[in-house]
Amino acid sequence: MREFRNVDEWHCGVSQSQMVANTRLVLFAISLFANRVGQGIAVSVGVLAERTGLSKPSVIKHLKLAEEAGWIGAQRYDGTGARLKRNEYSLKFPEMDLEG
């Protein structure tokens, strides 16, 4: 995994990736909430669904795909009861060939 430098470089990498369009859309939406080092992004699935026009189950699916591909990290916090569960995301940069 390459070192994360800045959100602009990350955007370029995401746009050149082979991920399906809706996964890239969710990633661009999550980046709207990122600080310049891409850490500590606390945004709900509901907000991401509103920003992308996708359903909550679809957003969850694409977040999992992005995490599996190495584009985001997720720290899960489980409180008592379903309403207190939340995730905190960070932007990652997987090793990949961006040429060709």
C-alpha atoms as a PDB file:
ATOM      1  CA  MET A   1       0.000   0.000   0.000  1.00  0.00           C
ATOM      2  CA  ARG A   2       1.397   3.404  -0.974  1.00  0.00           C
ATOM      3  CA  GLU A   3       1.657   6.224   1.510  1.00  0.00           C
ATOM      4  CA  PHE A   4      -1.342   8.564   1.474  1.00  0.00           C
ATOM      5  CA  ARG A   5      -0.214  12.085   0.545  1.00  0.00           C
ATOM      6  CA  ASN A   6      -3.288  14.164  -0.134  1.00  0.00           C
ATOM      7  CA  VAL A   7      -6.929  13.963  -1.157  1.00  0.00           C
ATOM      8  CA  ASP A   8      -6.284  15.317  -4.671  1.00  0.00           C
ATOM      9  CA  GLU A   9      -3.838  12.512  -5.446  1.00  0.00           C
ATOM     10  CA  TRP A  10      -6.314  10.026  -3.977  1.00  0.00           C
ATOM     11  CA  HIS A  11      -9.104  11.402  -6.228  1.00  0.00           C
ATOM     12  CA  CYS A  12      -6.879  10.908  -9.260  1.00  0.00           C
ATOM     13  CA  GLY A  13      -6.164   7.314  -8.240  1.00  0.00           C
ATOM     14  CA  VAL A  14      -9.828   6.523  -7.609  1.00  0.00           C
ATOM     15  CA  SER A  15     -10.835   8.007 -10.973  1.00  0.00           C
ATOM     16  CA  GLN A  16      -8.287   5.797 -12.755  1.00  0.00           C
ATOM     17  CA  SER A  17      -9.176   2.635 -10.844  1.00  0.00           C
ATOM     18  CA  GLN A  18     -11.012  -0.347 -12.286  1.00  0.00           C
ATOM     19  CA  MET A  19     -13.777  -0.214  -9.663  1.00  0.00           C
ATOM     20  CA  VAL A  20     -17.384  -0.044 -10.823  1.00  0.00           C
ATOM     21  CA  ALA A  21     -18.852   3.440 -11.190  1.00  0.00           C
ATOM     22  CA  ASN A  22     -21.048   3.279  -8.073  1.00  0.00           C
ATOM     23  CA  THR A  23     -18.093   2.297  -5.889  1.00  0.00           C
ATOM     24  CA  ARG A  24     -16.144   5.273  -7.222  1.00  0.00           C
ATOM     25  CA  LEU A  25     -19.214   7.471  -6.615  1.00  0.00           C
ATOM     26  CA  VAL A  26     -19.403   6.381  -2.965  1.00  0.00           C
ATOM     27  CA  LEU A  27     -15.669   7.006  -2.571  1.00  0.00           C
ATOM     28  CA  PHE A  28     -15.941  10.508  -4.000  1.00  0.00           C
ATOM     29  CA  ALA A  29     -18.884  11.181  -1.670  1.00  0.00           C
ATOM     30  CA  ILE A  30     -16.989   9.968   1.401  1.00  0.00           C
ATOM     31  CA  SER A  31     -14.046  12.173   0.446  1.00  0.00           C
ATOM     32  CA  LEU A  32     -16.282  15.244   0.791  1.00  0.00           C
ATOM     33  CA  PHE A  33     -16.027  14.716   4.555  1.00  0.00           C
ATOM     34  CA  ALA A  34     -12.260  14.088   4.661  1.00  0.00           C
ATOM     35  CA  ASN A  35      -9.672  16.369   6.156  1.00  0.00           C
ATOM     36  CA  ARG A  36      -6.529  16.957   4.112  1.00  0.00           C
ATOM     37  CA  VAL A  37      -4.836  13.832   5.489  1.00  0.00           C
ATOM     38  CA  GLY A  38      -7.862  11.606   4.857  1.00  0.00           C
ATOM     39  CA  GLN A  39      -8.355  10.422   8.442  1.00  0.00           C
ATOM     40  CA  GLY A  40     -11.217  10.395  10.943  1.00  0.00           C
ATOM     41  CA  ILE A  41     -14.108  10.517   8.485  1.00  0.00           C
ATOM     42  CA  ALA A  42     -17.289   9.990  10.510  1.00  0.00           C
ATOM     43  CA  VAL A  43     -20.151  10.021   8.015  1.00  0.00           C
ATOM     44  CA  SER A  44     -23.267   7.862   8.139  1.00  0.00           C
ATOM     45  CA  VAL A  45     -24.477   5.474   5.474  1.00  0.00           C
ATOM     46  CA  GLY A  46     -27.675   7.545   5.344  1.00  0.00           C
ATOM     47  CA  VAL A  47     -25.781  10.725   4.495  1.00  0.00           C
ATOM     48  CA  LEU A  48     -23.755   8.902   1.834  1.00  0.00           C
ATOM     49  CA  ALA A  49     -26.997   7.519   0.379  1.00  0.00           C
ATOM     50  CA  GLU A  50     -28.420  11.051   0.183  1.00  0.00           C
ATOM     51  CA  ARG A  51     -25.264  12.428  -1.460  1.00  0.00           C
ATOM     52  CA  THR A  52     -25.025   9.634  -4.048  1.00  0.00           C
ATOM     53  CA  GLY A  53     -28.675   8.892  -4.764  1.00  0.00           C
ATOM     54  CA  LEU A  54     -28.046   5.226  -3.957  1.00  0.00           C
ATOM     55  CA  SER A  55     -29.968   3.121  -1.452  1.00  0.00           C
ATOM     56  CA  LYS A  56     -28.448   2.429   1.973  1.00  0.00           C
ATOM     57  CA  PRO A  57     -27.891  -1.280   1.132  1.00  0.00           C
ATOM     58  CA  SER A  58     -26.127  -0.253  -2.079  1.00  0.00           C
ATOM     59  CA  VAL A  59     -23.893   2.218  -0.219  1.00  0.00           C
ATOM     60  CA  ILE A  60     -22.990  -0.513   2.304  1.00  0.00           C
ATOM     61  CA  LYS A  61     -22.138  -2.898  -0.557  1.00  0.00           C
ATOM     62  CA  HIS A  62     -19.886  -0.348  -2.260  1.00  0.00           C
ATOM     63  CA  LEU A  63     -18.172   0.635   1.000  1.00  0.00           C
ATOM     64  CA  LYS A  64     -17.306  -3.048   1.513  1.00  0.00           C
ATOM     65  CA  LEU A  65     -16.000  -3.330  -2.066  1.00  0.00           C
ATOM     66  CA  ALA A  66     -13.864  -0.208  -1.603  1.00  0.00           C
ATOM     67  CA  GLU A  67     -12.498  -1.496   1.701  1.00  0.00           C
ATOM     68  CA  GLU A  68     -11.673  -4.898   0.187  1.00  0.00           C
ATOM     69  CA  ALA A  69      -9.882  -3.155  -2.699  1.00  0.00           C
ATOM     70  CA  GLY A  70      -7.814  -1.134  -0.218  1.00  0.00           C
ATOM     71  CA  TRP A  71      -9.180   2.349  -0.994  1.00  0.00           C
ATOM     72  CA  ILE A  72     -10.599   2.958   2.488  1.00  0.00           C
ATOM     73  CA  GLY A  73     -10.054   1.683   5.984  1.00  0.00           C
ATOM     74  CA  ALA A  74     -12.921   1.373   8.442  1.00  0.00           C
ATOM     75  CA  GLN A  75     -12.772   1.443  12.219  1.00  0.00           C
ATOM     76  CA  ARG A  76     -15.999   0.041  13.634  1.00  0.00           C
ATOM     77  CA  TYR A  77     -17.416   1.216  16.937  1.00  0.00           C
ATOM     78  CA  ASP A  78     -20.233  -0.815  18.454  1.00  0.00           C
ATOM     79  CA  GLY A  79     -22.157   0.739  21.304  1.00  0.00           C
ATOM     80  CA  THR A  80     -25.059  -0.786  23.143  1.00  0.00           C
ATOM     81  CA  GLY A  81     -27.917  -1.020  20.693  1.00  0.00           C
ATOM     82  CA  ALA A  82     -27.982  -0.722  16.927  1.00  0.00           C
ATOM     83  CA  ARG A  83     -28.408   3.061  17.026  1.00  0.00           C
ATOM     84  CA  LEU A  84     -24.999   3.567  18.599  1.00  0.00           C
ATOM     85  CA  LYS A  85     -23.029   1.660  15.972  1.00  0.00           C
ATOM     86  CA  ARG A  86     -20.852   3.830  13.780  1.00  0.00           C
ATOM     87  CA  ASN A  87     -17.873   3.619  11.487  1.00  0.00           C
ATOM     88  CA  GLU A  88     -14.959   5.971  11.102  1.00  0.00           C
ATOM     89  CA  TYR A  89     -13.263   5.857   7.712  1.00  0.00           C
ATOM     90  CA  SER A  90      -9.827   6.762   6.429  1.00  0.00           C
ATOM     91  CA  LEU A  91      -8.667   7.129   2.835  1.00  0.00           C
ATOM     92  CA  LYS A  92      -6.060   4.595   1.701  1.00  0.00           C
ATOM     93  CA  PHE A  93      -3.967   4.197  -1.424  1.00  0.00           C
ATOM     94  CA  PRO A  94      -3.513   0.589  -2.603  1.00  0.00           C
ATOM     95  CA  GLU A  95      -0.581  -0.373  -4.812  1.00  0.00           C
ATOM     96  CA  MET A  96      -1.736  -0.381  -8.394  1.00  0.00           C
ATOM     97  CA  ASP A  97      -0.498   0.291 -11.882  1.00  0.00           C
ATOM     98  CA  LEU A  98      -2.048   3.573 -13.034  1.00  0.00           C
ATOM     99  CA  GLU A  99      -0.477   3.459 -16.482  1.00  0.00           C
ATOM    100  CA  GLY A 100      -1.820   1.952 -19.620  1.00  0.00           C
END
